[in-house]
Amino acid sequence: MRRPRVSKSATLRERLDYYSAPFVSGQCREWLGAKSTKGYGRLMWKGRARFAHRLAYTEYIGPIPDGLHVLHSCDNPSCVNDEHFFLGTNADNVADKVTKGRAAKPEIRGERHRCAKLTEAQVLAIRADARTQAVIAAEYGVTRENISQIKLLKGWAWL
């Protein structure tokens, strides 16, 4: 049996409760609704899609000052348990990620990465190639956007 849909006139707290697993102190409260590609809960609120953890922070703790992020102590992007939230700058977020070992490791970039389709030699050759990006992309079996990123020194920037 399907449960009834949440009312369009529901408060933010009612909507958060509807799309979340039951609250258990100390445990992650999983978001059961729509999620972003990175696993963060998404909720339509006041005509816009918003991150559920930011809405939960605002509802249960208070306003989020400009320029700050809502970070998760549990490292679970779909968690909306306000006990797991803390505020931080972008630098704090990056430092937290590095400290907890979730940052990309520089020794596993480039051709050593398991998804790499190009070698460092090919990237250098692509940068020197004067043909159109579409032609180069077809030759190497990658997208034109990949070639663009390489030529703009955004992809493989360390070379």
Protein backbone atom coordinates (compact mmCIF):
# COMPACT_ATOMS: atom_id res chain seq x y z
CA MET A 1 0.00 0.00 0.00
CA ARG A 2 1.32 3.45 -0.92
CA ARG A 3 1.52 6.05 1.76
CA PRO A 4 -0.31 9.35 1.12
CA ARG A 5 1.63 12.16 -0.54
CA VAL A 6 2.82 15.08 1.51
CA SER A 7 0.51 18.10 1.30
CA LYS A 8 1.61 21.07 -0.79
CA SER A 9 0.77 23.24 2.21
CA ALA A 10 3.00 21.20 4.56
CA THR A 11 5.51 23.07 6.69
CA LEU A 12 9.21 22.60 6.12
CA ARG A 13 9.45 20.38 9.21
CA GLU A 14 6.57 18.21 7.94
CA ARG A 15 8.24 17.86 4.54
CA LEU A 16 11.61 17.00 6.12
CA ASP A 17 9.94 14.39 8.33
CA TYR A 18 7.98 12.94 5.41
CA TYR A 19 11.07 12.33 3.27
CA SER A 20 13.40 11.19 6.10
CA ALA A 21 13.86 7.98 8.03
CA PRO A 22 12.70 8.21 11.65
CA PHE A 23 14.97 10.17 13.98
CA VAL A 24 17.21 8.12 16.29
CA SER A 25 19.63 10.15 18.41
CA GLY A 26 23.26 9.58 17.42
CA GLN A 27 22.45 7.74 14.19
CA CYS A 28 22.31 9.08 10.65
CA ARG A 29 18.83 10.08 9.60
CA GLU A 30 18.72 8.97 5.99
CA TRP A 31 17.07 11.12 3.36
CA LEU A 32 14.57 8.95 1.48
CA GLY A 33 13.51 11.47 -1.15
CA ALA A 34 15.27 12.66 -4.30
CA LYS A 35 19.05 12.89 -4.23
CA SER A 36 21.75 14.66 -6.21
CA THR A 37 24.30 12.65 -8.17
CA LYS A 38 26.65 12.96 -5.15
CA GLY A 39 24.02 11.57 -2.77
CA TYR A 40 22.82 14.78 -1.12
CA GLY A 41 19.10 14.98 -0.42
CA ARG A 42 17.12 17.39 -2.63
CA LEU A 43 13.79 18.99 -1.78
CA MET A 44 11.61 21.51 -3.58
CA TRP A 45 11.04 24.38 -1.16
CA LYS A 46 9.61 27.80 -2.03
CA GLY A 47 9.78 27.03 -5.74
CA ARG A 48 13.42 25.93 -5.84
CA ALA A 49 15.26 22.64 -5.48
CA ARG A 50 17.43 22.86 -2.37
CA PHE A 51 19.76 20.60 -0.45
CA ALA A 52 17.87 18.80 2.32
CA HIS A 53 20.74 19.02 4.83
CA ARG A 54 20.82 22.82 4.49
CA LEU A 55 17.05 23.01 4.95
CA ALA A 56 17.29 20.69 7.96
CA TYR A 57 20.02 22.84 9.49
CA THR A 58 17.88 25.96 9.04
CA GLU A 59 14.78 24.27 10.46
CA TYR A 60 16.34 22.58 13.47
CA ILE A 61 19.30 24.84 14.35
CA GLY A 62 18.87 28.24 12.72
CA PRO A 63 19.97 30.43 9.81
CA ILE A 64 23.15 29.64 7.90
CA PRO A 65 25.43 32.70 7.75
CA ASP A 66 26.46 33.82 4.27
CA GLY A 67 29.51 32.04 2.92
CA LEU A 68 29.30 29.04 5.23
CA HIS A 69 28.66 25.41 4.36
CA VAL A 70 26.75 22.82 6.39
CA LEU A 71 29.24 20.01 6.95
CA HIS A 72 28.55 16.45 8.11
CA SER A 73 30.54 14.96 10.99
CA CYS A 74 29.30 11.54 9.80
CA ASP A 75 30.49 12.06 6.19
CA ASN A 76 27.15 10.73 4.93
CA PRO A 77 25.77 13.14 2.31
CA SER A 78 22.22 11.79 2.63
CA CYS A 79 22.12 12.33 6.41
CA VAL A 80 19.73 15.03 7.67
CA ASN A 81 20.32 14.50 11.40
CA ASP A 82 21.05 17.95 12.84
CA GLU A 83 23.23 16.33 15.53
CA HIS A 84 25.72 15.55 12.72
CA PHE A 85 25.93 19.10 11.33
CA PHE A 86 28.52 21.80 11.86
CA LEU A 87 29.21 25.00 9.95
CA GLY A 88 32.44 25.75 8.14
CA THR A 89 34.00 27.68 5.30
CA ASN A 90 34.94 26.08 2.00
CA ALA A 91 38.50 25.81 3.33
CA ASP A 92 37.17 24.00 6.42
CA ASN A 93 35.26 21.61 4.16
CA VAL A 94 38.36 20.83 2.10
CA ALA A 95 40.50 20.40 5.23
CA ASP A 96 37.88 18.06 6.72
CA LYS A 97 37.88 16.00 3.52
CA VAL A 98 41.68 15.77 3.45
CA THR A 99 41.93 14.92 7.17
CA LYS A 100 39.40 12.10 6.79
CA GLY A 101 41.07 10.69 3.68
CA ARG A 102 38.25 11.49 1.26
CA ALA A 103 40.32 13.78 -0.99
CA ALA A 104 41.62 12.59 -4.34
CA LYS A 105 45.18 11.44 -3.92
CA PRO A 106 47.61 13.20 -6.27
CA GLU A 107 49.54 9.98 -6.80
CA ILE A 108 46.40 8.43 -8.38
CA ARG A 109 45.77 11.12 -10.95
CA GLY A 110 46.41 11.21 -14.67
CA GLU A 111 47.15 7.95 -16.44
CA ARG A 112 47.49 6.14 -13.09
CA HIS A 113 43.80 6.76 -12.41
CA ARG A 114 41.67 3.68 -13.12
CA CYS A 115 39.34 5.65 -15.46
CA ALA A 116 42.08 7.35 -17.50
CA LYS A 117 41.72 7.10 -21.26
CA LEU A 118 44.80 9.14 -22.11
CA THR A 119 48.49 9.01 -21.29
CA GLU A 120 50.59 12.03 -20.32
CA ALA A 121 52.30 11.84 -23.72
CA GLN A 122 48.93 11.96 -25.48
CA VAL A 123 47.84 14.98 -23.40
CA LEU A 124 51.01 16.86 -24.37
CA ALA A 125 50.43 15.93 -28.01
CA ILE A 126 46.81 17.14 -27.79
CA ARG A 127 47.97 20.52 -26.43
CA ALA A 128 50.31 20.91 -29.41
CA ASP A 129 47.74 19.71 -31.99
CA ALA A 130 46.30 22.56 -34.12
CA ARG A 131 43.36 20.59 -35.55
CA THR A 132 39.80 21.19 -34.38
CA GLN A 133 38.82 19.81 -31.00
CA ALA A 134 36.16 17.59 -32.57
CA VAL A 135 38.71 15.93 -34.86
CA ILE A 136 41.20 15.44 -32.01
CA ALA A 137 38.46 14.04 -29.74
CA ALA A 138 37.40 11.52 -32.39
CA GLU A 139 40.99 10.36 -32.85
CA TYR A 140 41.57 9.77 -29.14
CA GLY A 141 38.09 8.42 -28.34
CA VAL A 142 37.21 11.13 -25.82
CA THR A 143 34.71 14.00 -25.84
CA ARG A 144 35.32 17.41 -27.33
CA GLU A 145 34.84 18.82 -23.81
CA ASN A 146 37.79 16.69 -22.61
CA ILE A 147 39.96 18.16 -25.34
CA SER A 148 38.78 21.67 -24.47
CA GLN A 149 39.67 21.16 -20.79
CA ILE A 150 43.14 19.88 -21.75
CA LYS A 151 43.79 22.81 -24.09
CA LEU A 152 42.57 25.34 -21.49
CA LEU A 153 45.01 23.73 -18.99
CA LYS A 154 42.11 22.79 -16.71
CA GLY A 155 42.34 19.07 -17.36
CA TRP A 156 45.72 17.53 -16.56
CA ALA A 157 46.74 20.97 -15.25
CA TRP A 158 49.82 19.66 -13.42
CA LEU A 159 51.52 18.79 -16.73
